[in-house]
C-alpha cells in the first residue's frame, strides 16, 4: 500500500502446495526513531553497531585490510573508533562486516518492534501488527479501550467535516516574530 507517495506496507504471497504470506512494513511509521535510540529505549540485547557507510563503493566491495579511516564513519568519537579498530588485526573485510551490520540491524529492529508490540498488547490488548502507523495504533487503542459503552458520536455533514478537517490537518504552523527597525 502506498499513501501520499509514501510506502506503507507490502504483502507478498508465494508457494504452491503451502501458501505463505509475508508483510513488509515501514518501521519508521510505527516507531519513528533511529535504531540506536530504539535499542536503548527497549533495552535490546542487539545494539546498533558502527559502520563506515561512506567507505562503500562499487569498486571496493571485496576490500580486506585495515579498518577504514575515521572520516568514513558518522557520529563517532575517536575513542569509539579506536575501540572498534582494536577488534581487527588488519583483517577487516567490508563484505563480512556489511553482512554482520545488516543482520544486527534486523535483529535489533525485530527486538524493538516485538517489545513494543508485547508492551502495547499487555497494557491495552491492541495487536500492533494490524496497524501500519503509530497514529493508527493510538486510534485503535483509544477506540478499543477508552470509549465508554453506549457512547454514540454525532454524524456530521460533508461541509462541516471539510471545515473540521482543514482545521485539524496540515497547514502552515510556523510562528513569526516581526521586528520593526526605525
N, C-alpha and C. Protein backbone atom coordinates (compact mmCIF):
# COMPACT_ATOMS: atom_id res chain seq x y z
N UNK A 1 0.85 -1.16 0.00
CA UNK A 1 0.00 0.00 0.00
C UNK A 1 0.90 1.23 0.00
N UNK A 2 0.56 2.18 -0.84
CA UNK A 2 1.26 3.46 -0.89
C UNK A 2 0.24 4.55 -0.65
N UNK A 3 0.56 5.49 0.25
CA UNK A 3 -0.35 6.59 0.54
C UNK A 3 0.43 7.89 0.47
N UNK A 4 -0.08 8.83 -0.28
CA UNK A 4 0.56 10.14 -0.45
C UNK A 4 2.01 9.98 -0.91
N UNK A 5 2.26 9.00 -1.77
CA UNK A 5 3.59 8.78 -2.31
C UNK A 5 4.55 8.11 -1.34
N UNK A 6 4.06 7.66 -0.19
CA UNK A 6 4.92 7.01 0.81
C UNK A 6 4.55 5.53 0.92
N UNK A 7 5.58 4.71 1.04
CA UNK A 7 5.40 3.27 1.22
C UNK A 7 4.84 3.01 2.62
N UNK A 8 3.75 2.29 2.70
CA UNK A 8 3.15 1.93 3.99
C UNK A 8 3.43 0.45 4.29
N UNK A 9 2.98 -0.42 3.40
CA UNK A 9 3.27 -1.84 3.57
C UNK A 9 3.13 -2.57 2.24
N UNK A 10 3.71 -3.76 2.20
CA UNK A 10 3.67 -4.60 1.01
C UNK A 10 3.37 -6.01 1.47
N UNK A 11 2.42 -6.64 0.81
CA UNK A 11 2.02 -8.01 1.14
C UNK A 11 2.42 -8.91 -0.02
N UNK A 12 3.19 -9.97 0.28
CA UNK A 12 3.66 -10.89 -0.76
C UNK A 12 3.21 -12.29 -0.40
N UNK A 13 2.56 -12.95 -1.36
CA UNK A 13 2.14 -14.34 -1.18
C UNK A 13 2.94 -15.21 -2.14
N UNK A 14 3.34 -16.40 -1.65
CA UNK A 14 4.08 -17.32 -2.51
C UNK A 14 3.85 -18.75 -2.04
N UNK A 15 4.28 -19.70 -2.88
CA UNK A 15 4.15 -21.12 -2.55
C UNK A 15 3.00 -21.76 -3.30
N UNK A 16 3.17 -23.03 -3.67
CA UNK A 16 2.12 -23.74 -4.40
C UNK A 16 1.33 -24.66 -3.46
N UNK A 17 1.98 -25.67 -2.93
CA UNK A 17 1.28 -26.61 -2.04
C UNK A 17 0.91 -25.93 -0.72
N UNK A 18 1.85 -25.20 -0.17
CA UNK A 18 1.61 -24.44 1.05
C UNK A 18 1.77 -22.97 0.73
N UNK A 19 0.77 -22.19 1.06
CA UNK A 19 0.81 -20.75 0.76
C UNK A 19 1.43 -20.01 1.94
N UNK A 20 2.29 -19.08 1.62
CA UNK A 20 2.93 -18.24 2.63
C UNK A 20 2.60 -16.79 2.34
N UNK A 21 2.56 -16.02 3.38
CA UNK A 21 2.28 -14.59 3.23
C UNK A 21 3.31 -13.81 4.04
N UNK A 22 4.00 -12.89 3.39
CA UNK A 22 4.97 -12.03 4.05
C UNK A 22 4.46 -10.60 4.02
N UNK A 23 4.68 -9.88 5.10
CA UNK A 23 4.30 -8.48 5.18
C UNK A 23 5.55 -7.64 5.38
N UNK A 24 5.75 -6.66 4.54
CA UNK A 24 6.85 -5.72 4.68
C UNK A 24 6.25 -4.37 5.04
N UNK A 25 6.73 -3.79 6.14
CA UNK A 25 6.19 -2.52 6.60
C UNK A 25 7.31 -1.53 6.85
N UNK A 26 7.00 -0.26 6.73
CA UNK A 26 7.97 0.79 7.03
C UNK A 26 7.99 0.98 8.54
N UNK A 27 9.04 0.51 9.19
CA UNK A 27 9.11 0.56 10.65
C UNK A 27 9.14 1.98 11.19
N UNK A 28 9.62 2.94 10.39
CA UNK A 28 9.65 4.33 10.85
C UNK A 28 8.24 4.91 11.03
N UNK A 29 7.26 4.34 10.34
CA UNK A 29 5.89 4.80 10.52
C UNK A 29 5.30 4.30 11.84
N UNK A 30 5.82 3.19 12.33
CA UNK A 30 5.33 2.64 13.60
C UNK A 30 6.14 3.16 14.78
N UNK A 31 7.44 3.20 14.63
CA UNK A 31 8.34 3.69 15.69
C UNK A 31 9.30 4.69 15.06
N UNK A 32 8.92 5.96 15.02
CA UNK A 32 9.70 6.97 14.28
C UNK A 32 10.96 7.46 15.01
N UNK A 33 11.87 6.54 15.28
CA UNK A 33 13.12 6.88 15.96
C UNK A 33 14.25 6.13 15.29
N UNK A 34 15.46 6.57 15.54
CA UNK A 34 16.62 5.87 15.00
C UNK A 34 16.73 4.50 15.67
N UNK A 35 17.36 3.58 14.97
CA UNK A 35 17.52 2.24 15.52
C UNK A 35 18.37 2.26 16.79
N UNK A 36 19.34 3.15 16.85
CA UNK A 36 20.16 3.26 18.06
C UNK A 36 19.30 3.67 19.25
N UNK A 37 18.39 4.64 19.06
CA UNK A 37 17.51 5.07 20.15
C UNK A 37 16.52 3.97 20.53
N UNK A 38 16.00 3.27 19.53
CA UNK A 38 15.06 2.18 19.83
C UNK A 38 15.74 1.08 20.65
N UNK A 39 16.97 0.75 20.28
CA UNK A 39 17.71 -0.29 21.01
C UNK A 39 17.89 0.09 22.47
N UNK A 40 18.22 1.36 22.72
CA UNK A 40 18.39 1.82 24.10
C UNK A 40 17.06 1.87 24.84
N UNK A 41 16.03 2.40 24.17
CA UNK A 41 14.72 2.55 24.79
C UNK A 41 14.15 1.21 25.25
N UNK A 42 14.29 0.19 24.42
CA UNK A 42 13.72 -1.12 24.73
C UNK A 42 14.73 -2.08 25.34
N UNK A 43 15.88 -1.55 25.79
CA UNK A 43 16.93 -2.37 26.42
C UNK A 43 17.22 -3.63 25.61
N UNK A 44 17.44 -3.44 24.32
CA UNK A 44 17.69 -4.58 23.43
C UNK A 44 19.05 -5.20 23.70
N UNK A 45 19.12 -6.51 23.54
CA UNK A 45 20.42 -7.17 23.65
C UNK A 45 21.21 -7.00 22.35
N UNK A 46 20.52 -6.65 21.27
CA UNK A 46 21.18 -6.36 20.00
C UNK A 46 21.26 -4.84 19.85
N UNK A 47 22.47 -4.31 19.96
CA UNK A 47 22.68 -2.87 19.90
C UNK A 47 23.25 -2.50 18.54
N UNK A 48 22.76 -1.42 17.99
CA UNK A 48 23.25 -0.96 16.69
C UNK A 48 24.75 -0.69 16.78
N UNK A 49 25.48 -1.19 15.79
CA UNK A 49 26.93 -1.04 15.76
C UNK A 49 27.30 0.07 14.78
N UNK A 50 28.58 0.38 14.71
CA UNK A 50 29.04 1.41 13.77
C UNK A 50 29.50 0.75 12.47
N UNK A 51 29.44 1.54 11.40
CA UNK A 51 29.83 1.03 10.09
C UNK A 51 30.27 2.20 9.22
N UNK A 52 31.32 2.03 8.42
CA UNK A 52 31.81 3.12 7.57
C UNK A 52 31.02 3.25 6.27
N UNK A 53 29.80 3.77 6.36
CA UNK A 53 28.94 3.88 5.18
C UNK A 53 29.60 4.63 4.04
N UNK A 54 30.34 5.68 4.36
CA UNK A 54 30.95 6.50 3.31
C UNK A 54 32.13 5.81 2.62
N UNK A 55 32.57 4.69 3.14
CA UNK A 55 33.68 3.94 2.55
C UNK A 55 33.22 3.07 1.38
N UNK A 56 31.99 2.64 1.41
CA UNK A 56 31.47 1.66 0.45
C UNK A 56 31.27 2.29 -0.93
N UNK A 57 31.80 1.61 -1.94
CA UNK A 57 31.52 1.98 -3.34
C UNK A 57 31.64 0.72 -4.19
N UNK A 58 31.24 0.81 -5.43
CA UNK A 58 31.19 -0.38 -6.29
C UNK A 58 32.57 -0.98 -6.56
N UNK A 59 33.62 -0.22 -6.37
CA UNK A 59 34.97 -0.71 -6.68
C UNK A 59 35.65 -1.42 -5.51
N UNK A 60 35.13 -1.30 -4.29
CA UNK A 60 35.83 -1.91 -3.15
C UNK A 60 34.97 -2.90 -2.36
N UNK A 61 33.98 -3.48 -2.98
CA UNK A 61 33.07 -4.38 -2.27
C UNK A 61 33.77 -5.60 -1.67
N UNK A 62 34.89 -5.99 -2.22
CA UNK A 62 35.63 -7.15 -1.70
C UNK A 62 36.87 -6.73 -0.91
N UNK A 63 36.87 -5.52 -0.41
CA UNK A 63 38.02 -4.99 0.32
C UNK A 63 38.29 -5.80 1.59
N UNK A 64 39.57 -6.15 1.80
CA UNK A 64 40.04 -6.76 3.03
C UNK A 64 41.35 -6.06 3.38
N UNK A 65 41.45 -5.59 4.62
CA UNK A 65 42.67 -4.89 5.02
C UNK A 65 42.47 -4.17 6.34
N UNK A 66 43.11 -3.01 6.47
CA UNK A 66 42.97 -2.24 7.71
C UNK A 66 41.58 -1.62 7.78
N UNK A 67 41.15 -1.31 8.98
CA UNK A 67 39.85 -0.66 9.19
C UNK A 67 39.88 0.70 8.49
N UNK A 68 38.83 1.04 7.73
CA UNK A 68 38.80 2.34 7.05
C UNK A 68 38.97 3.50 8.04
N UNK A 69 39.46 4.59 7.54
CA UNK A 69 39.72 5.78 8.34
C UNK A 69 38.45 6.29 9.03
N UNK A 70 38.63 6.99 10.12
CA UNK A 70 37.50 7.53 10.91
C UNK A 70 36.61 8.45 10.08
N UNK A 71 37.16 9.08 9.04
CA UNK A 71 36.37 10.00 8.21
C UNK A 71 35.23 9.30 7.48
N UNK A 72 35.29 7.98 7.35
CA UNK A 72 34.24 7.23 6.67
C UNK A 72 33.09 6.84 7.60
N UNK A 73 33.26 7.07 8.90
CA UNK A 73 32.23 6.77 9.89
C UNK A 73 31.50 8.06 10.23
N UNK A 74 30.26 7.95 10.66
CA UNK A 74 29.48 9.12 11.05
C UNK A 74 29.18 9.09 12.54
N UNK A 75 29.26 10.26 13.15
CA UNK A 75 28.86 10.45 14.55
C UNK A 75 29.54 9.49 15.53
N UNK A 76 30.85 9.35 15.41
CA UNK A 76 31.59 8.56 16.40
C UNK A 76 32.78 9.37 16.90
N UNK A 77 33.15 9.07 18.12
CA UNK A 77 34.31 9.75 18.71
C UNK A 77 35.57 8.96 18.34
N UNK A 78 36.70 9.58 18.59
CA UNK A 78 37.96 8.90 18.30
C UNK A 78 38.15 7.68 19.19
N UNK A 79 37.69 7.77 20.44
CA UNK A 79 37.82 6.61 21.34
C UNK A 79 36.91 5.46 20.88
N UNK A 80 35.72 5.78 20.39
CA UNK A 80 34.84 4.73 19.85
C UNK A 80 35.48 4.08 18.62
N UNK A 81 36.06 4.92 17.77
CA UNK A 81 36.74 4.42 16.57
C UNK A 81 37.90 3.50 16.95
N UNK A 82 38.71 3.93 17.91
CA UNK A 82 39.86 3.12 18.33
C UNK A 82 39.43 1.80 18.95
N UNK A 83 38.34 1.81 19.72
CA UNK A 83 37.82 0.57 20.30
C UNK A 83 37.35 -0.38 19.20
N UNK A 84 36.66 0.16 18.19
CA UNK A 84 36.20 -0.64 17.06
C UNK A 84 37.40 -1.20 16.29
N UNK A 85 38.36 -0.35 16.04
CA UNK A 85 39.56 -0.72 15.27
C UNK A 85 40.36 -1.81 15.97
N UNK A 86 40.36 -1.80 17.30
CA UNK A 86 41.15 -2.77 18.06
C UNK A 86 40.61 -4.20 17.94
N UNK A 87 39.39 -4.36 17.45
CA UNK A 87 38.81 -5.70 17.29
C UNK A 87 39.40 -6.44 16.09
N UNK A 88 40.09 -5.70 15.23
CA UNK A 88 40.58 -6.29 13.98
C UNK A 88 42.11 -6.19 13.92
N UNK A 89 42.72 -7.20 13.33
CA UNK A 89 44.17 -7.23 13.20
C UNK A 89 44.53 -7.06 11.72
N UNK A 90 44.26 -5.86 11.19
CA UNK A 90 44.49 -5.57 9.77
C UNK A 90 43.83 -6.60 8.86
N UNK A 91 42.71 -7.13 9.33
CA UNK A 91 41.99 -8.16 8.60
C UNK A 91 40.51 -7.82 8.53
N UNK A 92 40.20 -6.55 8.34
CA UNK A 92 38.82 -6.08 8.27
C UNK A 92 38.28 -6.37 6.88
N UNK A 93 37.12 -7.00 6.78
CA UNK A 93 36.51 -7.36 5.50
C UNK A 93 35.21 -6.59 5.32
N UNK A 94 35.15 -5.78 4.28
CA UNK A 94 33.94 -4.99 4.02
C UNK A 94 32.73 -5.89 3.86
N UNK A 95 32.87 -6.94 3.08
CA UNK A 95 31.73 -7.83 2.82
C UNK A 95 31.21 -8.48 4.11
N UNK A 96 32.11 -9.08 4.89
CA UNK A 96 31.64 -9.77 6.10
C UNK A 96 31.13 -8.78 7.15
N UNK A 97 31.75 -7.61 7.25
CA UNK A 97 31.29 -6.60 8.22
C UNK A 97 29.94 -6.01 7.79
N UNK A 98 29.74 -5.83 6.49
CA UNK A 98 28.45 -5.32 6.00
C UNK A 98 27.33 -6.31 6.29
N UNK A 99 27.62 -7.59 6.08
CA UNK A 99 26.62 -8.63 6.37
C UNK A 99 26.30 -8.66 7.86
N UNK A 100 27.33 -8.64 8.71
CA UNK A 100 27.11 -8.62 10.17
C UNK A 100 26.30 -7.40 10.58
N UNK A 101 26.66 -6.25 10.00
CA UNK A 101 25.98 -4.99 10.32
C UNK A 101 24.49 -5.07 9.97
N UNK A 102 24.18 -5.59 8.78
CA UNK A 102 22.77 -5.71 8.36
C UNK A 102 22.00 -6.71 9.21
N UNK A 103 22.64 -7.84 9.52
CA UNK A 103 21.99 -8.84 10.37
C UNK A 103 21.70 -8.28 11.76
N UNK A 104 22.66 -7.56 12.31
CA UNK A 104 22.47 -6.96 13.64
C UNK A 104 21.36 -5.92 13.61
N UNK A 105 21.31 -5.11 12.55
CA UNK A 105 20.23 -4.13 12.40
C UNK A 105 18.87 -4.81 12.38
N UNK A 106 18.76 -5.89 11.62
CA UNK A 106 17.48 -6.62 11.53
C UNK A 106 17.08 -7.19 12.89
N UNK A 107 18.04 -7.78 13.59
CA UNK A 107 17.75 -8.34 14.91
C UNK A 107 17.35 -7.25 15.91
N UNK A 108 18.06 -6.13 15.87
CA UNK A 108 17.75 -5.03 16.79
C UNK A 108 16.37 -4.46 16.50
N UNK A 109 16.04 -4.29 15.23
CA UNK A 109 14.72 -3.76 14.86
C UNK A 109 13.62 -4.74 15.25
N UNK A 110 13.83 -6.02 14.97
CA UNK A 110 12.84 -7.03 15.34
C UNK A 110 12.60 -7.03 16.84
N UNK A 111 13.68 -6.96 17.61
CA UNK A 111 13.56 -6.97 19.07
C UNK A 111 12.80 -5.74 19.57
N UNK A 112 13.10 -4.57 19.01
CA UNK A 112 12.41 -3.34 19.43
C UNK A 112 10.92 -3.40 19.09
N UNK A 113 10.61 -3.81 17.87
CA UNK A 113 9.20 -3.89 17.46
C UNK A 113 8.46 -4.95 18.28
N UNK A 114 9.10 -6.07 18.53
CA UNK A 114 8.47 -7.13 19.34
C UNK A 114 8.18 -6.66 20.75
N UNK A 115 9.14 -5.98 21.36
CA UNK A 115 8.94 -5.48 22.73
C UNK A 115 7.85 -4.41 22.76
N UNK A 116 7.83 -3.54 21.75
CA UNK A 116 6.78 -2.52 21.66
C UNK A 116 5.41 -3.19 21.54
N UNK A 117 5.31 -4.17 20.65
CA UNK A 117 4.04 -4.87 20.43
C UNK A 117 3.58 -5.60 21.68
N UNK A 118 4.52 -6.26 22.35
CA UNK A 118 4.18 -7.00 23.57
C UNK A 118 3.70 -6.06 24.68
N UNK A 119 4.41 -4.97 24.87
CA UNK A 119 4.03 -4.00 25.90
C UNK A 119 2.66 -3.38 25.58
N UNK A 120 2.45 -3.04 24.32
CA UNK A 120 1.18 -2.45 23.91
C UNK A 120 0.03 -3.43 24.10
N UNK A 121 0.27 -4.71 23.78
CA UNK A 121 -0.78 -5.70 23.96
C UNK A 121 -1.06 -5.94 25.44
N UNK A 122 -0.02 -6.04 26.24
CA UNK A 122 -0.21 -6.28 27.68
C UNK A 122 -0.94 -5.12 28.36
N UNK A 123 -0.67 -3.90 27.93
CA UNK A 123 -1.31 -2.73 28.55
C UNK A 123 -2.72 -2.46 28.01
N UNK A 124 -2.89 -2.60 26.69
CA UNK A 124 -4.13 -2.14 26.06
C UNK A 124 -4.87 -3.20 25.25
N UNK A 125 -4.32 -4.40 25.15
CA UNK A 125 -4.92 -5.50 24.37
C UNK A 125 -5.10 -5.12 22.91
N UNK A 126 -4.13 -4.38 22.36
CA UNK A 126 -4.16 -3.99 20.95
C UNK A 126 -3.01 -4.67 20.22
N UNK A 127 -3.35 -5.35 19.12
CA UNK A 127 -2.36 -6.04 18.30
C UNK A 127 -1.78 -5.04 17.30
N UNK A 128 -0.53 -4.66 17.49
CA UNK A 128 0.08 -3.64 16.62
C UNK A 128 0.41 -4.16 15.23
N UNK A 129 0.39 -5.47 15.03
CA UNK A 129 0.71 -5.99 13.69
C UNK A 129 -0.40 -5.70 12.69
N UNK A 130 -1.57 -5.30 13.17
CA UNK A 130 -2.68 -4.96 12.27
C UNK A 130 -2.74 -3.47 11.96
N UNK A 131 -1.79 -2.71 12.49
CA UNK A 131 -1.79 -1.26 12.28
C UNK A 131 -0.44 -0.84 11.69
N UNK A 132 -0.45 -0.08 10.60
CA UNK A 132 0.82 0.27 9.94
C UNK A 132 1.55 1.47 10.52
N UNK A 133 0.86 2.31 11.29
CA UNK A 133 1.49 3.55 11.76
C UNK A 133 1.23 3.75 13.25
N UNK A 134 2.05 4.58 13.88
CA UNK A 134 1.86 4.89 15.29
C UNK A 134 0.52 5.61 15.53
N UNK A 135 0.12 6.57 14.68
CA UNK A 135 -1.21 7.17 14.88
C UNK A 135 -2.35 6.15 14.79
N UNK A 136 -2.21 5.14 13.91
CA UNK A 136 -3.28 4.14 13.83
C UNK A 136 -3.29 3.23 15.07
N UNK A 137 -2.12 2.97 15.66
CA UNK A 137 -2.07 2.23 16.93
C UNK A 137 -2.77 3.04 18.01
N UNK A 138 -2.48 4.33 18.05
CA UNK A 138 -3.08 5.21 19.05
C UNK A 138 -4.60 5.26 18.90
N UNK A 139 -5.07 5.40 17.67
CA UNK A 139 -6.51 5.46 17.43
C UNK A 139 -7.18 4.13 17.79
N UNK A 140 -6.55 3.03 17.43
CA UNK A 140 -7.11 1.72 17.77
C UNK A 140 -7.15 1.53 19.29
N UNK A 141 -6.11 1.97 19.97
CA UNK A 141 -6.07 1.88 21.43
C UNK A 141 -7.19 2.71 22.04
N UNK A 142 -7.39 3.91 21.53
CA UNK A 142 -8.45 4.78 22.03
C UNK A 142 -9.82 4.14 21.78
N UNK A 143 -10.05 3.67 20.55
CA UNK A 143 -11.36 3.10 20.21
C UNK A 143 -11.68 1.84 21.00
N UNK A 144 -10.66 1.00 21.23
CA UNK A 144 -10.93 -0.27 21.91
C UNK A 144 -10.87 -0.19 23.43
N UNK A 145 -10.22 0.82 23.97
CA UNK A 145 -10.06 0.83 25.41
C UNK A 145 -10.58 2.04 26.16
N UNK A 146 -10.91 3.10 25.45
CA UNK A 146 -11.24 4.33 26.16
C UNK A 146 -12.59 4.94 25.80
N UNK A 147 -13.29 4.36 24.85
CA UNK A 147 -14.64 4.85 24.54
C UNK A 147 -15.62 4.04 25.39
N UNK A 148 -16.38 4.74 26.18
CA UNK A 148 -17.31 4.08 27.09
C UNK A 148 -18.44 3.41 26.32
N UNK A 149 -18.91 2.31 26.86
CA UNK A 149 -20.01 1.56 26.26
C UNK A 149 -21.25 2.45 26.15
N UNK A 150 -21.89 2.40 25.01
CA UNK A 150 -23.13 3.15 24.82
C UNK A 150 -22.95 4.58 24.34
N UNK A 151 -21.74 5.06 24.27
CA UNK A 151 -21.49 6.43 23.79
C UNK A 151 -21.64 6.44 22.27
N UNK A 152 -22.38 7.37 21.76
CA UNK A 152 -22.56 7.49 20.31
C UNK A 152 -21.99 8.82 19.86
N UNK A 153 -21.39 8.80 18.70
CA UNK A 153 -20.82 10.01 18.13
C UNK A 153 -21.77 10.57 17.09
N UNK A 154 -21.89 11.88 17.08
CA UNK A 154 -22.79 12.54 16.13
C UNK A 154 -22.21 12.44 14.72
N UNK A 155 -23.11 12.27 13.75
CA UNK A 155 -22.68 12.28 12.35
C UNK A 155 -22.71 13.72 11.88
N UNK A 156 -21.71 14.09 11.13
CA UNK A 156 -21.66 15.46 10.63
C UNK A 156 -21.70 15.45 9.12
N UNK A 157 -22.21 16.52 8.56
CA UNK A 157 -22.31 16.65 7.11
C UNK A 157 -20.95 16.93 6.48
N UNK A 158 -20.92 16.83 5.16
CA UNK A 158 -19.64 16.95 4.46
C UNK A 158 -19.03 18.34 4.57
N UNK A 159 -19.85 19.40 4.57
CA UNK A 159 -19.31 20.77 4.68
C UNK A 159 -18.66 20.97 6.04
N UNK A 160 -19.34 20.54 7.11
CA UNK A 160 -18.78 20.67 8.45
C UNK A 160 -17.52 19.80 8.58
N UNK A 161 -17.58 18.58 8.01
CA UNK A 161 -16.41 17.71 8.05
C UNK A 161 -15.21 18.37 7.36
N UNK A 162 -15.45 18.97 6.20
CA UNK A 162 -14.37 19.65 5.48
C UNK A 162 -13.75 20.76 6.32
N UNK A 163 -14.59 21.54 7.00
CA UNK A 163 -14.07 22.62 7.84
C UNK A 163 -13.25 22.07 9.01
N UNK A 164 -13.77 21.03 9.66
CA UNK A 164 -13.05 20.43 10.78
C UNK A 164 -11.74 19.81 10.29
N UNK A 165 -11.80 19.14 9.15
CA UNK A 165 -10.61 18.50 8.60
C UNK A 165 -9.53 19.53 8.28
N UNK A 166 -9.92 20.64 7.68
CA UNK A 166 -8.95 21.70 7.37
C UNK A 166 -8.34 22.28 8.64
N UNK A 167 -9.14 22.38 9.69
CA UNK A 167 -8.64 22.93 10.95
C UNK A 167 -7.74 21.94 11.68
N UNK A 168 -7.95 20.65 11.45
CA UNK A 168 -7.21 19.63 12.20
C UNK A 168 -5.96 19.12 11.51
N UNK A 169 -5.93 19.15 10.20
CA UNK A 169 -4.84 18.53 9.46
C UNK A 169 -4.10 19.53 8.59
N UNK A 170 -2.81 19.63 8.83
CA UNK A 170 -1.95 20.38 7.94
C UNK A 170 -2.09 21.88 8.05
N UNK A 171 -1.45 22.51 7.12
CA UNK A 171 -1.45 23.96 7.13
C UNK A 171 -0.12 24.48 7.60
N UNK A 172 0.00 25.76 7.60
CA UNK A 172 1.24 26.42 7.99
C UNK A 172 1.24 26.61 9.50
N UNK A 173 2.22 26.05 10.19
CA UNK A 173 2.26 26.15 11.64
C UNK A 173 3.50 26.89 12.14
N UNK A 174 4.13 27.65 11.25
CA UNK A 174 5.30 28.43 11.65
C UNK A 174 4.86 29.64 12.46
N UNK A 175 5.76 30.10 13.30
CA UNK A 175 5.48 31.28 14.11
C UNK A 175 6.50 32.34 13.74
N UNK A 176 6.03 33.55 13.48
CA UNK A 176 6.91 34.63 13.08
C UNK A 176 6.89 35.73 14.12
N UNK A 177 8.03 36.32 14.32
CA UNK A 177 8.14 37.46 15.22
C UNK A 177 8.67 38.62 14.40
N UNK A 178 7.88 39.66 14.27
CA UNK A 178 8.27 40.80 13.45
C UNK A 178 8.97 41.85 14.31
N UNK A 179 10.05 42.37 13.78
CA UNK A 179 10.80 43.42 14.46
C UNK A 179 10.84 44.63 13.54
N UNK A 180 10.45 45.74 14.06
CA UNK A 180 10.47 46.97 13.27
C UNK A 180 11.71 47.77 13.64
N UNK A 181 12.49 48.10 12.64
CA UNK A 181 13.69 48.91 12.86
C UNK A 181 13.40 50.33 12.43
N UNK A 182 13.67 51.32 13.27
CA UNK A 182 13.44 52.72 12.93
C UNK A 182 14.73 53.41 12.63
